[in-house]
Amino acid sequence: MSTDSVRADAEGLFRAAHPGDRSGALIAGCRAAARVADPDHAVAMPIGKLAVEEKTRAREIDAWLNKEWARIAS
């Protein structure tokens, strides 16, 4: 399981569950990739306006990731 595949799976599933929420899909992808990332490698994180949005939506997106994790990480 690579961070790229997990990120892509999370983005796709989030986009399907939340049509039109593009930034939410990106946030979910980054957060999912961070869950499986090798601690010795840097993980791309959202910057600017998206970083502010991530802080305010983190709980909601993490709850969604927890619920969908089996599908994302398979």
N, C-alpha and C. Protein backbone atom coordinates (compact mmCIF):
# COMPACT_ATOMS: atom_id res chain seq x y z
N MET A 1 0.86 -1.17 0.00
CA MET A 1 0.00 0.00 0.00
C MET A 1 0.90 1.23 0.00
N SER A 2 0.79 2.03 -1.04
CA SER A 2 1.60 3.24 -1.14
C SER A 2 0.78 4.45 -0.72
N THR A 3 1.48 5.50 -0.34
CA THR A 3 0.76 6.72 0.03
C THR A 3 -0.01 7.27 -1.17
N ASP A 4 0.57 7.13 -2.37
CA ASP A 4 -0.11 7.64 -3.57
C ASP A 4 -1.41 6.90 -3.84
N SER A 5 -1.40 5.58 -3.69
CA SER A 5 -2.63 4.82 -3.96
C SER A 5 -3.68 5.09 -2.89
N VAL A 6 -3.25 5.21 -1.64
CA VAL A 6 -4.20 5.50 -0.56
C VAL A 6 -4.79 6.89 -0.74
N ARG A 7 -3.93 7.85 -1.11
CA ARG A 7 -4.42 9.21 -1.34
C ARG A 7 -5.44 9.23 -2.46
N ALA A 8 -5.12 8.58 -3.55
CA ALA A 8 -6.03 8.55 -4.70
C ALA A 8 -7.35 7.86 -4.36
N ASP A 9 -7.28 6.74 -3.64
CA ASP A 9 -8.50 6.03 -3.25
C ASP A 9 -9.36 6.89 -2.33
N ALA A 10 -8.73 7.54 -1.36
CA ALA A 10 -9.49 8.39 -0.43
C ALA A 10 -10.13 9.56 -1.17
N GLU A 11 -9.39 10.19 -2.06
CA GLU A 11 -9.95 11.30 -2.83
C GLU A 11 -11.14 10.84 -3.66
N GLY A 12 -10.99 9.71 -4.33
CA GLY A 12 -12.08 9.21 -5.17
C GLY A 12 -13.32 8.85 -4.38
N LEU A 13 -13.13 8.17 -3.27
CA LEU A 13 -14.28 7.78 -2.45
C LEU A 13 -14.94 9.01 -1.81
N PHE A 14 -14.12 9.97 -1.36
CA PHE A 14 -14.70 11.18 -0.75
C PHE A 14 -15.48 11.96 -1.80
N ARG A 15 -14.90 12.07 -3.01
CA ARG A 15 -15.57 12.80 -4.09
C ARG A 15 -16.91 12.14 -4.43
N ALA A 16 -16.94 10.81 -4.43
CA ALA A 16 -18.18 10.09 -4.73
C ALA A 16 -19.22 10.31 -3.63
N ALA A 17 -18.77 10.36 -2.39
CA ALA A 17 -19.69 10.54 -1.26
C ALA A 17 -20.11 12.00 -1.08
N HIS A 18 -19.28 12.92 -1.57
CA HIS A 18 -19.53 14.36 -1.41
C HIS A 18 -19.33 15.06 -2.75
N PRO A 19 -20.23 14.84 -3.70
CA PRO A 19 -20.06 15.43 -5.04
C PRO A 19 -19.87 16.95 -4.97
N GLY A 20 -18.92 17.42 -5.72
CA GLY A 20 -18.70 18.87 -5.78
C GLY A 20 -17.80 19.43 -4.69
N ASP A 21 -17.41 18.62 -3.72
CA ASP A 21 -16.56 19.10 -2.63
C ASP A 21 -15.11 18.77 -2.97
N ARG A 22 -14.54 19.51 -3.91
CA ARG A 22 -13.19 19.23 -4.39
C ARG A 22 -12.13 19.40 -3.32
N SER A 23 -12.21 20.47 -2.56
CA SER A 23 -11.18 20.69 -1.56
C SER A 23 -11.27 19.66 -0.44
N GLY A 24 -12.47 19.22 -0.11
CA GLY A 24 -12.63 18.18 0.90
C GLY A 24 -11.97 16.88 0.46
N ALA A 25 -12.08 16.56 -0.83
CA ALA A 25 -11.45 15.36 -1.36
C ALA A 25 -9.93 15.46 -1.26
N LEU A 26 -9.39 16.63 -1.55
CA LEU A 26 -7.94 16.81 -1.45
C LEU A 26 -7.48 16.69 0.00
N ILE A 27 -8.23 17.28 0.90
CA ILE A 27 -7.89 17.19 2.32
C ILE A 27 -7.95 15.73 2.77
N ALA A 28 -9.01 15.03 2.40
CA ALA A 28 -9.15 13.62 2.79
C ALA A 28 -7.99 12.81 2.23
N GLY A 29 -7.60 13.08 0.99
CA GLY A 29 -6.47 12.36 0.40
C GLY A 29 -5.17 12.60 1.14
N CYS A 30 -4.90 13.84 1.49
CA CYS A 30 -3.68 14.16 2.23
C CYS A 30 -3.68 13.52 3.60
N ARG A 31 -4.81 13.57 4.28
CA ARG A 31 -4.90 13.00 5.62
C ARG A 31 -4.78 11.48 5.57
N ALA A 32 -5.37 10.85 4.55
CA ALA A 32 -5.27 9.40 4.41
C ALA A 32 -3.82 9.00 4.12
N ALA A 33 -3.16 9.73 3.23
CA ALA A 33 -1.76 9.44 2.92
C ALA A 33 -0.88 9.57 4.15
N ALA A 34 -1.18 10.56 4.98
CA ALA A 34 -0.39 10.75 6.20
C ALA A 34 -0.54 9.56 7.15
N ARG A 35 -1.68 8.89 7.12
CA ARG A 35 -1.90 7.74 7.99
C ARG A 35 -1.00 6.56 7.64
N VAL A 36 -0.61 6.44 6.39
CA VAL A 36 0.20 5.30 5.97
C VAL A 36 1.62 5.68 5.56
N ALA A 37 1.96 6.93 5.70
CA ALA A 37 3.27 7.41 5.25
C ALA A 37 4.38 6.85 6.12
N ASP A 38 5.49 6.61 5.49
CA ASP A 38 6.70 6.25 6.21
C ASP A 38 7.14 7.50 6.96
N PRO A 39 7.36 7.40 8.25
CA PRO A 39 7.73 8.61 9.01
C PRO A 39 9.02 9.27 8.54
N ASP A 40 9.83 8.53 7.78
CA ASP A 40 11.08 9.11 7.28
C ASP A 40 10.89 9.89 5.98
N HIS A 41 9.67 9.90 5.45
CA HIS A 41 9.41 10.61 4.20
C HIS A 41 8.48 11.79 4.45
N ALA A 42 8.70 12.84 3.72
CA ALA A 42 7.83 14.01 3.84
C ALA A 42 6.49 13.71 3.18
N VAL A 43 5.43 14.22 3.75
CA VAL A 43 4.09 14.07 3.19
C VAL A 43 3.62 15.45 2.76
N ALA A 44 3.16 15.56 1.52
CA ALA A 44 2.65 16.84 1.04
C ALA A 44 1.43 17.23 1.85
N MET A 45 1.41 18.45 2.33
CA MET A 45 0.28 18.94 3.11
C MET A 45 -0.31 20.15 2.41
N PRO A 46 -1.61 20.35 2.55
CA PRO A 46 -2.24 21.51 1.92
C PRO A 46 -1.65 22.82 2.46
N ILE A 47 -1.61 23.82 1.60
CA ILE A 47 -1.08 25.12 2.02
C ILE A 47 -2.11 26.21 1.75
N GLY A 48 -1.86 27.35 2.33
CA GLY A 48 -2.70 28.52 2.09
C GLY A 48 -4.12 28.34 2.59
N LYS A 49 -5.06 28.78 1.77
CA LYS A 49 -6.48 28.75 2.13
C LYS A 49 -6.94 27.33 2.46
N LEU A 50 -6.43 26.35 1.73
CA LEU A 50 -6.81 24.97 1.97
C LEU A 50 -6.35 24.50 3.35
N ALA A 51 -5.19 24.96 3.81
CA ALA A 51 -4.70 24.59 5.14
C ALA A 51 -5.64 25.11 6.22
N VAL A 52 -6.16 26.31 6.04
CA VAL A 52 -7.12 26.87 7.00
C VAL A 52 -8.38 26.03 7.01
N GLU A 53 -8.86 25.66 5.82
CA GLU A 53 -10.05 24.83 5.73
C GLU A 53 -9.81 23.47 6.38
N GLU A 54 -8.62 22.90 6.19
CA GLU A 54 -8.32 21.61 6.78
C GLU A 54 -8.45 21.66 8.30
N LYS A 55 -7.96 22.72 8.91
CA LYS A 55 -8.05 22.84 10.37
C LYS A 55 -9.49 22.84 10.84
N THR A 56 -10.35 23.51 10.11
CA THR A 56 -11.74 23.62 10.55
C THR A 56 -12.55 22.36 10.24
N ARG A 57 -12.12 21.56 9.26
CA ARG A 57 -12.87 20.38 8.87
C ARG A 57 -12.22 19.07 9.28
N ALA A 58 -11.11 19.13 9.98
CA ALA A 58 -10.33 17.94 10.29
C ALA A 58 -11.16 16.86 10.98
N ARG A 59 -11.94 17.23 11.98
CA ARG A 59 -12.73 16.23 12.71
C ARG A 59 -13.73 15.54 11.80
N GLU A 60 -14.43 16.32 11.01
CA GLU A 60 -15.43 15.78 10.09
C GLU A 60 -14.78 14.82 9.07
N ILE A 61 -13.67 15.24 8.51
CA ILE A 61 -13.00 14.41 7.50
C ILE A 61 -12.36 13.19 8.14
N ASP A 62 -11.77 13.34 9.32
CA ASP A 62 -11.20 12.18 10.01
C ASP A 62 -12.28 11.16 10.36
N ALA A 63 -13.45 11.63 10.76
CA ALA A 63 -14.56 10.71 11.04
C ALA A 63 -14.95 9.95 9.78
N TRP A 64 -14.99 10.65 8.65
CA TRP A 64 -15.31 9.99 7.38
C TRP A 64 -14.22 8.98 7.03
N LEU A 65 -12.95 9.37 7.19
CA LEU A 65 -11.84 8.44 6.91
C LEU A 65 -11.93 7.20 7.79
N ASN A 66 -12.22 7.39 9.07
CA ASN A 66 -12.34 6.24 9.98
C ASN A 66 -13.42 5.29 9.50
N LYS A 67 -14.54 5.83 9.08
CA LYS A 67 -15.67 5.02 8.63
C LYS A 67 -15.34 4.27 7.33
N GLU A 68 -14.60 4.90 6.44
CA GLU A 68 -14.31 4.34 5.13
C GLU A 68 -12.93 3.70 5.03
N TRP A 69 -12.18 3.63 6.12
CA TRP A 69 -10.80 3.21 6.05
C TRP A 69 -10.62 1.83 5.44
N ALA A 70 -11.48 0.88 5.75
CA ALA A 70 -11.34 -0.46 5.20
C ALA A 70 -11.41 -0.43 3.67
N ARG A 71 -12.27 0.39 3.11
CA ARG A 71 -12.37 0.51 1.64
C ARG A 71 -11.16 1.24 1.06
N ILE A 72 -10.66 2.24 1.75
CA ILE A 72 -9.54 3.03 1.25
C ILE A 72 -8.25 2.20 1.27
N ALA A 73 -8.01 1.52 2.34
CA ALA A 73 -6.75 0.81 2.53
C ALA A 73 -6.74 -0.60 1.97
N SER A 74 -7.76 -0.98 1.24
CA SER A 74 -7.79 -2.34 0.72
C SER A 74 -7.02 -2.48 -0.57
